[in-house]
PDB file of N, CA and C in Angstrom:
ATOM      1  N   MET A   1      71.695   0.811 -18.927  1.00  0.00           N
ATOM      2  CA  MET A   1      72.287   0.923 -17.619  1.00  0.00           C
ATOM      3  C   MET A   1      73.325  -0.185 -17.456  1.00  0.00           C
ATOM      4  N   THR A   2      74.502   0.179 -17.052  1.00  0.00           N
ATOM      5  CA  THR A   2      75.581  -0.777 -16.844  1.00  0.00           C
ATOM      6  C   THR A   2      75.472  -1.395 -15.455  1.00  0.00           C
ATOM      7  N   MET A   3      75.567  -2.714 -15.397  1.00  0.00           N
ATOM      8  CA  MET A   3      75.505  -3.444 -14.129  1.00  0.00           C
ATOM      9  C   MET A   3      76.747  -4.307 -13.992  1.00  0.00           C
ATOM     10  N   THR A   4      77.226  -4.407 -12.770  1.00  0.00           N
ATOM     11  CA  THR A   4      78.322  -5.309 -12.452  1.00  0.00           C
ATOM     12  C   THR A   4      77.800  -6.354 -11.486  1.00  0.00           C
ATOM     13  N   LYS A   5      78.002  -7.629 -11.826  1.00  0.00           N
ATOM     14  CA  LYS A   5      77.503  -8.727 -11.002  1.00  0.00           C
ATOM     15  C   LYS A   5      78.574  -9.168 -10.005  1.00  0.00           C
ATOM     16  N   TYR A   6      78.122  -9.476  -8.802  1.00  0.00           N
ATOM     17  CA  TYR A   6      79.013  -9.942  -7.731  1.00  0.00           C
ATOM     18  C   TYR A   6      78.456 -11.237  -7.157  1.00  0.00           C
ATOM     19  N   THR A   7      79.354 -12.117  -6.735  1.00  0.00           N
ATOM     20  CA  THR A   7      78.985 -13.353  -6.065  1.00  0.00           C
ATOM     21  C   THR A   7      79.832 -13.450  -4.806  1.00  0.00           C
ATOM     22  N   PHE A   8      79.180 -13.766  -3.700  1.00  0.00           N
ATOM     23  CA  PHE A   8      79.832 -13.792  -2.396  1.00  0.00           C
ATOM     24  C   PHE A   8      79.566 -15.135  -1.723  1.00  0.00           C
ATOM     25  N   GLN A   9      80.620 -15.812  -1.286  1.00  0.00           N
ATOM     26  CA  GLN A   9      80.481 -17.068  -0.544  1.00  0.00           C
ATOM     27  C   GLN A   9      80.225 -16.717   0.921  1.00  0.00           C
ATOM     28  N   THR A  10      79.121 -17.195   1.461  1.00  0.00           N
ATOM     29  CA  THR A  10      78.746 -16.862   2.834  1.00  0.00           C
ATOM     30  C   THR A  10      79.479 -17.742   3.835  1.00  0.00           C
ATOM     31  N   SER A  11      79.387 -17.344   5.101  1.00  0.00           N
ATOM     32  CA  SER A  11      80.022 -18.090   6.182  1.00  0.00           C
ATOM     33  C   SER A  11      79.142 -18.013   7.425  1.00  0.00           C
ATOM     34  N   GLY A  12      78.885 -19.149   8.056  1.00  0.00           N
ATOM     35  CA  GLY A  12      78.161 -19.181   9.317  1.00  0.00           C
ATOM     36  C   GLY A  12      76.649 -19.118   9.205  1.00  0.00           C
ATOM     37  N   VAL A  13      76.119 -19.277   7.990  1.00  0.00           N
ATOM     38  CA  VAL A  13      74.669 -19.225   7.786  1.00  0.00           C
ATOM     39  C   VAL A  13      74.226 -20.378   6.893  1.00  0.00           C
ATOM     40  N   CYS A  14      72.915 -20.575   6.800  1.00  0.00           N
ATOM     41  CA  CYS A  14      72.367 -21.665   5.982  1.00  0.00           C
ATOM     42  C   CYS A  14      72.590 -21.432   4.490  1.00  0.00           C
ATOM     43  N   SER A  15      72.500 -20.186   4.064  1.00  0.00           N
ATOM     44  CA  SER A  15      72.730 -19.854   2.658  1.00  0.00           C
ATOM     45  C   SER A  15      74.216 -20.034   2.338  1.00  0.00           C
ATOM     46  N   GLN A  16      74.499 -20.569   1.166  1.00  0.00           N
ATOM     47  CA  GLN A  16      75.903 -20.793   0.790  1.00  0.00           C
ATOM     48  C   GLN A  16      76.493 -19.672  -0.060  1.00  0.00           C
ATOM     49  N   GLU A  17      75.627 -18.929  -0.746  1.00  0.00           N
ATOM     50  CA  GLU A  17      76.132 -17.939  -1.703  1.00  0.00           C
ATOM     51  C   GLU A  17      75.087 -16.843  -1.916  1.00  0.00           C
ATOM     52  N   ILE A  18      75.589 -15.624  -2.127  1.00  0.00           N
ATOM     53  CA  ILE A  18      74.726 -14.490  -2.455  1.00  0.00           C
ATOM     54  C   ILE A  18      75.222 -13.887  -3.758  1.00  0.00           C
ATOM     55  N   SER A  19      74.305 -13.633  -4.676  1.00  0.00           N
ATOM     56  CA  SER A  19      74.629 -12.950  -5.934  1.00  0.00           C
ATOM     57  C   SER A  19      73.789 -11.688  -6.023  1.00  0.00           C
ATOM     58  N   PHE A  20      74.367 -10.653  -6.597  1.00  0.00           N
ATOM     59  CA  PHE A  20      73.646  -9.399  -6.799  1.00  0.00           C
ATOM     60  C   PHE A  20      74.397  -8.564  -7.815  1.00  0.00           C
ATOM     61  N   SER A  21      73.744  -7.523  -8.288  1.00  0.00           N
ATOM     62  CA  SER A  21      74.368  -6.583  -9.221  1.00  0.00           C
ATOM     63  C   SER A  21      74.306  -5.184  -8.642  1.00  0.00           C
ATOM     64  N   LEU A  22      75.292  -4.370  -9.019  1.00  0.00           N
ATOM     65  CA  LEU A  22      75.297  -2.955  -8.686  1.00  0.00           C
ATOM     66  C   LEU A  22      75.320  -2.169  -9.983  1.00  0.00           C
ATOM     67  N   ASP A  23      74.472  -1.138 -10.068  1.00  0.00           N
ATOM     68  CA  ASP A  23      74.514  -0.276 -11.238  1.00  0.00           C
ATOM     69  C   ASP A  23      75.531   0.841 -11.018  1.00  0.00           C
ATOM     70  N   GLU A  24      75.691   1.710 -12.004  1.00  0.00           N
ATOM     71  CA  GLU A  24      76.711   2.757 -11.918  1.00  0.00           C
ATOM     72  C   GLU A  24      76.414   3.791 -10.829  1.00  0.00           C
ATOM     73  N   LYS A  25      75.178   3.842 -10.360  1.00  0.00           N
ATOM     74  CA  LYS A  25      74.818   4.755  -9.263  1.00  0.00           C
ATOM     75  C   LYS A  25      74.894   4.065  -7.905  1.00  0.00           C
ATOM     76  N   LYS A  26      75.422   2.848  -7.892  1.00  0.00           N
ATOM     77  CA  LYS A  26      75.583   2.032  -6.689  1.00  0.00           C
ATOM     78  C   LYS A  26      74.252   1.666  -6.043  1.00  0.00           C
ATOM     79  N   HIS A  27      73.284   1.338  -6.910  1.00  0.00           N
ATOM     80  CA  HIS A  27      72.016   0.781  -6.448  1.00  0.00           C
ATOM     81  C   HIS A  27      72.066  -0.724  -6.650  1.00  0.00           C
ATOM     82  N   ILE A  28      71.462  -1.444  -5.721  1.00  0.00           N
ATOM     83  CA  ILE A  28      71.528  -2.908  -5.734  1.00  0.00           C
ATOM     84  C   ILE A  28      70.351  -3.497  -6.515  1.00  0.00           C
ATOM     85  N   HIS A  29      70.640  -4.561  -7.266  1.00  0.00           N
ATOM     86  CA  HIS A  29      69.630  -5.220  -8.096  1.00  0.00           C
ATOM     87  C   HIS A  29      69.864  -6.725  -8.103  1.00  0.00           C
ATOM     88  N   HIS A  30      68.795  -7.469  -8.395  1.00  0.00           N
ATOM     89  CA  HIS A  30      68.855  -8.913  -8.664  1.00  0.00           C
ATOM     90  C   HIS A  30      69.533  -9.712  -7.546  1.00  0.00           C
ATOM     91  N   VAL A  31      69.190  -9.427  -6.301  1.00  0.00           N
ATOM     92  CA  VAL A  31      69.758 -10.176  -5.174  1.00  0.00           C
ATOM     93  C   VAL A  31      69.158 -11.574  -5.155  1.00  0.00           C
ATOM     94  N   SER A  32      70.032 -12.567  -5.054  1.00  0.00           N
ATOM     95  CA  SER A  32      69.556 -13.950  -4.922  1.00  0.00           C
ATOM     96  C   SER A  32      70.468 -14.708  -3.970  1.00  0.00           C
ATOM     97  N   PHE A  33      69.860 -15.592  -3.219  1.00  0.00           N
ATOM     98  CA  PHE A  33      70.570 -16.409  -2.243  1.00  0.00           C
ATOM     99  C   PHE A  33      70.493 -17.862  -2.686  1.00  0.00           C
ATOM    100  N   LEU A  34      71.583 -18.592  -2.526  1.00  0.00           N
ATOM    101  CA  LEU A  34      71.613 -20.024  -2.782  1.00  0.00           C
ATOM    102  C   LEU A  34      71.490 -20.720  -1.431  1.00  0.00           C
ATOM    103  N   GLY A  35      70.380 -21.423  -1.215  1.00  0.00           N
ATOM    104  CA  GLY A  35      70.129 -22.068   0.071  1.00  0.00           C
ATOM    105  C   GLY A  35      69.493 -21.080   1.044  1.00  0.00           C
ATOM    106  N   GLY A  36      69.305 -21.525   2.265  1.00  0.00           N
ATOM    107  CA  GLY A  36      68.716 -20.675   3.290  1.00  0.00           C
ATOM    108  C   GLY A  36      67.200 -20.782   3.320  1.00  0.00           C
ATOM    109  N   CYS A  37      66.575 -19.859   4.034  1.00  0.00           N
ATOM    110  CA  CYS A  37      65.116 -19.834   4.220  1.00  0.00           C
ATOM    111  C   CYS A  37      64.476 -19.044   3.093  1.00  0.00           C
ATOM    112  N   PRO A  38      63.875 -19.710   2.117  1.00  0.00           N
ATOM    113  CA  PRO A  38      63.402 -19.031   0.908  1.00  0.00           C
ATOM    114  C   PRO A  38      62.460 -17.856   1.158  1.00  0.00           C
ATOM    115  N   GLY A  39      61.496 -18.018   2.040  1.00  0.00           N
ATOM    116  CA  GLY A  39      60.538 -16.930   2.263  1.00  0.00           C
ATOM    117  C   GLY A  39      61.212 -15.657   2.738  1.00  0.00           C
ATOM    118  N   ASN A  40      62.065 -15.773   3.733  1.00  0.00           N
ATOM    119  CA  ASN A  40      62.755 -14.599   4.263  1.00  0.00           C
ATOM    120  C   ASN A  40      63.730 -14.006   3.250  1.00  0.00           C
ATOM    121  N   LEU A  41      64.442 -14.846   2.551  1.00  0.00           N
ATOM    122  CA  LEU A  41      65.469 -14.351   1.638  1.00  0.00           C
ATOM    123  C   LEU A  41      64.872 -13.723   0.382  1.00  0.00           C
ATOM    124  N   VAL A  42      63.770 -14.264  -0.093  1.00  0.00           N
ATOM    125  CA  VAL A  42      63.079 -13.640  -1.225  1.00  0.00           C
ATOM    126  C   VAL A  42      62.540 -12.280  -0.786  1.00  0.00           C
ATOM    127  N   ALA A  43      62.028 -12.209   0.453  1.00  0.00           N
ATOM    128  CA  ALA A  43      61.517 -10.941   0.976  1.00  0.00           C
ATOM    129  C   ALA A  43      62.632  -9.901   1.060  1.00  0.00           C
ATOM    130  N   ILE A  44      63.797 -10.288   1.576  1.00  0.00           N
ATOM    131  CA  ILE A  44      64.929  -9.359   1.637  1.00  0.00           C
ATOM    132  C   ILE A  44      65.269  -8.872   0.236  1.00  0.00           C
ATOM    133  N   SER A  45      65.332  -9.784  -0.712  1.00  0.00           N
ATOM    134  CA  SER A  45      65.663  -9.427  -2.096  1.00  0.00           C
ATOM    135  C   SER A  45      64.696  -8.399  -2.657  1.00  0.00           C
ATOM    136  N   LYS A  46      63.399  -8.591  -2.405  1.00  0.00           N
ATOM    137  CA  LYS A  46      62.395  -7.650  -2.889  1.00  0.00           C
ATOM    138  C   LYS A  46      62.516  -6.298  -2.208  1.00  0.00           C
ATOM    139  N   LEU A  47      62.779  -6.306  -0.910  1.00  0.00           N
ATOM    140  CA  LEU A  47      62.857  -5.055  -0.155  1.00  0.00           C
ATOM    141  C   LEU A  47      64.054  -4.191  -0.540  1.00  0.00           C
ATOM    142  N   VAL A  48      65.162  -4.798  -0.938  1.00  0.00           N
ATOM    143  CA  VAL A  48      66.360  -4.021  -1.250  1.00  0.00           C
ATOM    144  C   VAL A  48      66.501  -3.690  -2.736  1.00  0.00           C
ATOM    145  N   GLU A  49      65.652  -4.252  -3.588  1.00  0.00           N
ATOM    146  CA  GLU A  49      65.745  -4.018  -5.038  1.00  0.00           C
ATOM    147  C   GLU A  49      65.716  -2.519  -5.353  1.00  0.00           C
ATOM    148  N   GLY A  50      66.755  -2.038  -6.023  1.00  0.00           N
ATOM    149  CA  GLY A  50      66.838  -0.651  -6.448  1.00  0.00           C
ATOM    150  C   GLY A  50      67.307   0.320  -5.379  1.00  0.00           C
ATOM    151  N   ALA A  51      67.558  -0.182  -4.178  1.00  0.00           N
ATOM    152  CA  ALA A  51      67.969   0.688  -3.075  1.00  0.00           C
ATOM    153  C   ALA A  51      69.452   1.035  -3.156  1.00  0.00           C
ATOM    154  N   ASP A  52      69.812   2.118  -2.492  1.00  0.00           N
ATOM    155  CA  ASP A  52      71.209   2.534  -2.394  1.00  0.00           C
ATOM    156  C   ASP A  52      72.002   1.463  -1.641  1.00  0.00           C
ATOM    157  N   ALA A  53      73.073   0.979  -2.239  1.00  0.00           N
ATOM    158  CA  ALA A  53      73.838  -0.132  -1.670  1.00  0.00           C
ATOM    159  C   ALA A  53      74.444   0.221  -0.315  1.00  0.00           C
ATOM    160  N   THR A  54      74.947   1.422  -0.159  1.00  0.00           N
ATOM    161  CA  THR A  54      75.542   1.829   1.120  1.00  0.00           C
ATOM    162  C   THR A  54      74.483   1.821   2.216  1.00  0.00           C
ATOM    163  N   HIS A  55      73.298   2.313   1.898  1.00  0.00           N
ATOM    164  CA  HIS A  55      72.203   2.317   2.875  1.00  0.00           C
ATOM    165  C   HIS A  55      71.827   0.888   3.273  1.00  0.00           C
ATOM    166  N   VAL A  56      71.707  -0.003   2.307  1.00  0.00           N
ATOM    167  CA  VAL A  56      71.351  -1.397   2.590  1.00  0.00           C
ATOM    168  C   VAL A  56      72.422  -2.044   3.462  1.00  0.00           C
ATOM    169  N   ALA A  57      73.692  -1.843   3.139  1.00  0.00           N
ATOM    170  CA  ALA A  57      74.787  -2.433   3.917  1.00  0.00           C
ATOM    171  C   ALA A  57      74.750  -1.941   5.363  1.00  0.00           C
ATOM    172  N   THR A  58      74.507  -0.666   5.549  1.00  0.00           N
ATOM    173  CA  THR A  58      74.433  -0.089   6.897  1.00  0.00           C
ATOM    174  C   THR A  58      73.227  -0.638   7.657  1.00  0.00           C
ATOM    175  N   LEU A  59      72.096  -0.715   6.995  1.00  0.00           N
ATOM    176  CA  LEU A  59      70.852  -1.169   7.612  1.00  0.00           C
ATOM    177  C   LEU A  59      70.937  -2.622   8.082  1.00  0.00           C
ATOM    178  N   LEU A  60      71.573  -3.481   7.290  1.00  0.00           N
ATOM    179  CA  LEU A  60      71.596  -4.915   7.596  1.00  0.00           C
ATOM    180  C   LEU A  60      72.805  -5.361   8.420  1.00  0.00           C
ATOM    181  N   LYS A  61      73.799  -4.511   8.552  1.00  0.00           N
ATOM    182  CA  LYS A  61      75.041  -4.854   9.256  1.00  0.00           C
ATOM    183  C   LYS A  61      74.765  -5.266  10.702  1.00  0.00           C
ATOM    184  N   GLY A  62      75.339  -6.406  11.088  1.00  0.00           N
ATOM    185  CA  GLY A  62      75.259  -6.865  12.466  1.00  0.00           C
ATOM    186  C   GLY A  62      73.988  -7.615  12.828  1.00  0.00           C
ATOM    187  N   ASN A  63      73.072  -7.791  11.891  1.00  0.00           N
ATOM    188  CA  ASN A  63      71.853  -8.553  12.165  1.00  0.00           C
ATOM    189  C   ASN A  63      72.249  -9.989  12.513  1.00  0.00           C
ATOM    190  N   ASP A  64      71.750 -10.494  13.632  1.00  0.00           N
ATOM    191  CA  ASP A  64      72.149 -11.807  14.132  1.00  0.00           C
ATOM    192  C   ASP A  64      71.019 -12.830  13.983  1.00  0.00           C
ATOM    193  N   CYS A  65      71.383 -14.056  13.673  1.00  0.00           N
ATOM    194  CA  CYS A  65      70.405 -15.152  13.551  1.00  0.00           C
ATOM    195  C   CYS A  65      70.735 -16.216  14.599  1.00  0.00           C
ATOM    196  N   GLY A  66      69.912 -16.307  15.615  1.00  0.00           N
ATOM    197  CA  GLY A  66      70.043 -17.379  16.602  1.00  0.00           C
ATOM    198  C   GLY A  66      71.371 -17.439  17.329  1.00  0.00           C
ATOM    199  N   GLY A  67      72.002 -16.315  17.573  1.00  0.00           N
ATOM    200  CA  GLY A  67      73.267 -16.290  18.305  1.00  0.00           C
ATOM    201  C   GLY A  67      74.475 -16.729  17.497  1.00  0.00           C
ATOM    202  N   ARG A  68      74.344 -16.761  16.189  1.00  0.00           N
ATOM    203  CA  ARG A  68      75.464 -17.179  15.322  1.00  0.00           C
ATOM    204  C   ARG A  68      76.507 -16.077  15.134  1.00  0.00           C
ATOM    205  N   GLY A  69      76.143 -14.839  15.490  1.00  0.00           N
ATOM    206  CA  GLY A  69      77.052 -13.721  15.269  1.00  0.00           C
ATOM    207  C   GLY A  69      76.930 -13.146  13.873  1.00  0.00           C
ATOM    208  N   THR A  70      76.069 -13.707  13.070  1.00  0.00           N
ATOM    209  CA  THR A  70      75.824 -13.236  11.710  1.00  0.00           C
ATOM    210  C   THR A  70      74.448 -13.750  11.280  1.00  0.00           C
ATOM    211  N   SER A  71      74.051 -13.421  10.098  1.00  0.00           N
ATOM    212  CA  SER A  71      72.789 -13.872   9.506  1.00  0.00           C
ATOM    213  C   SER A  71      72.918 -13.718   8.003  1.00  0.00           C
ATOM    214  N   CYS A  72      71.939 -14.179   7.273  1.00  0.00           N
ATOM    215  CA  CYS A  72      71.961 -13.982   5.819  1.00  0.00           C
ATOM    216  C   CYS A  72      71.920 -12.489   5.489  1.00  0.00           C
ATOM    217  N   ALA A  73      71.154 -11.719   6.256  1.00  0.00           N
ATOM    218  CA  ALA A  73      71.106 -10.273   6.042  1.00  0.00           C
ATOM    219  C   ALA A  73      72.464  -9.643   6.322  1.00  0.00           C
ATOM    220  N   ASP A  74      73.116 -10.050   7.412  1.00  0.00           N
ATOM    221  CA  ASP A  74      74.452  -9.542   7.736  1.00  0.00           C
ATOM    222  C   ASP A  74      75.457  -9.959   6.671  1.00  0.00           C
ATOM    223  N   GLN A  75      75.328 -11.170   6.163  1.00  0.00           N
ATOM    224  CA  GLN A  75      76.223 -11.622   5.093  1.00  0.00           C
ATOM    225  C   GLN A  75      76.023 -10.789   3.832  1.00  0.00           C
ATOM    226  N   LEU A  76      74.775 -10.411   3.537  1.00  0.00           N
ATOM    227  CA  LEU A  76      74.521  -9.528   2.405  1.00  0.00           C
ATOM    228  C   LEU A  76      75.191  -8.181   2.643  1.00  0.00           C
ATOM    229  N   SER A  77      75.111  -7.665   3.848  1.00  0.00           N
ATOM    230  CA  SER A  77      75.785  -6.415   4.190  1.00  0.00           C
ATOM    231  C   SER A  77      77.290  -6.522   3.925  1.00  0.00           C
ATOM    232  N   ARG A  78      77.880  -7.601   4.365  1.00  0.00           N
ATOM    233  CA  ARG A  78      79.326  -7.813   4.156  1.00  0.00           C
ATOM    234  C   ARG A  78      79.662  -7.924   2.668  1.00  0.00           C
ATOM    235  N   ALA A  79      78.794  -8.611   1.920  1.00  0.00           N
ATOM    236  CA  ALA A  79      79.013  -8.767   0.477  1.00  0.00           C
ATOM    237  C   ALA A  79      78.941  -7.411  -0.227  1.00  0.00           C
ATOM    238  N   ILE A  80      77.970  -6.615   0.133  1.00  0.00           N
ATOM    239  CA  ILE A  80      77.830  -5.274  -0.481  1.00  0.00           C
ATOM    240  C   ILE A  80      79.031  -4.418  -0.136  1.00  0.00           C
ATOM    241  N   THR A  81      79.447  -4.440   1.107  1.00  0.00           N
ATOM    242  CA  THR A  81      80.612  -3.657   1.536  1.00  0.00           C
ATOM    243  C   THR A  81      81.861  -4.065   0.744  1.00  0.00           C
ATOM    244  N   ALA A  82      82.053  -5.359   0.552  1.00  0.00           N
ATOM    245  CA  ALA A  82      83.202  -5.853  -0.221  1.00  0.00           C
ATOM    246  C   ALA A  82      83.100  -5.397  -1.685  1.00  0.00           C
ATOM    247  N   ALA A  83      81.906  -5.459  -2.244  1.00  0.00           N
ATOM    248  CA  ALA A  83      81.714  -5.040  -3.646  1.00  0.00           C
ATOM    249  C   ALA A  83      81.973  -3.550  -3.808  1.00  0.00           C
ATOM    250  N   LEU A  84      81.498  -2.759  -2.883  1.00  0.00           N
ATOM    251  CA  LEU A  84      81.720  -1.307  -2.963  1.00  0.00           C
ATOM    252  C   LEU A  84      83.204  -0.967  -2.835  1.00  0.00           C
ATOM    253  N   ALA A  85      83.939  -1.744  -2.058  1.00  0.00           N
ATOM    254  CA  ALA A  85      85.374  -1.520  -1.916  1.00  0.00           C
ATOM    255  C   ALA A  85      86.117  -1.805  -3.215  1.00  0.00           C
ATOM    256  N   GLN A  86      85.559  -2.686  -4.051  1.00  0.00           N
ATOM    257  CA  GLN A  86      86.164  -3.015  -5.343  1.00  0.00           C
ATOM    258  C   GLN A  86      85.927  -1.962  -6.390  1.00  0.00           C
ATOM    259  N   LYS A  87      84.850  -1.179  -6.245  1.00  0.00           N
ATOM    260  CA  LYS A  87      84.463  -0.190  -7.270  1.00  0.00           C
ATOM    261  C   LYS A  87      85.402   0.984  -7.276  1.00  0.00           C
TER     262      LYS A  87
END
């Protein structure tokens, strides 16, 4: 299975970077966050493993953390959307 790895610099959240891979069927794999709240971010990574990237981006879009206007989940949504636009 061919995978393409993406790295996204976050903005407005505790996590500084998100890395993940997309396979040729546009399923998301190997999500990892640099920084942030480990328990929550590991849980997000496990929940989205193997899921359809478009579905994950739609599901997480606009999730807010403490009135910041974004969250690590929302940043993942933005990263996936940017990666899909490149494909």
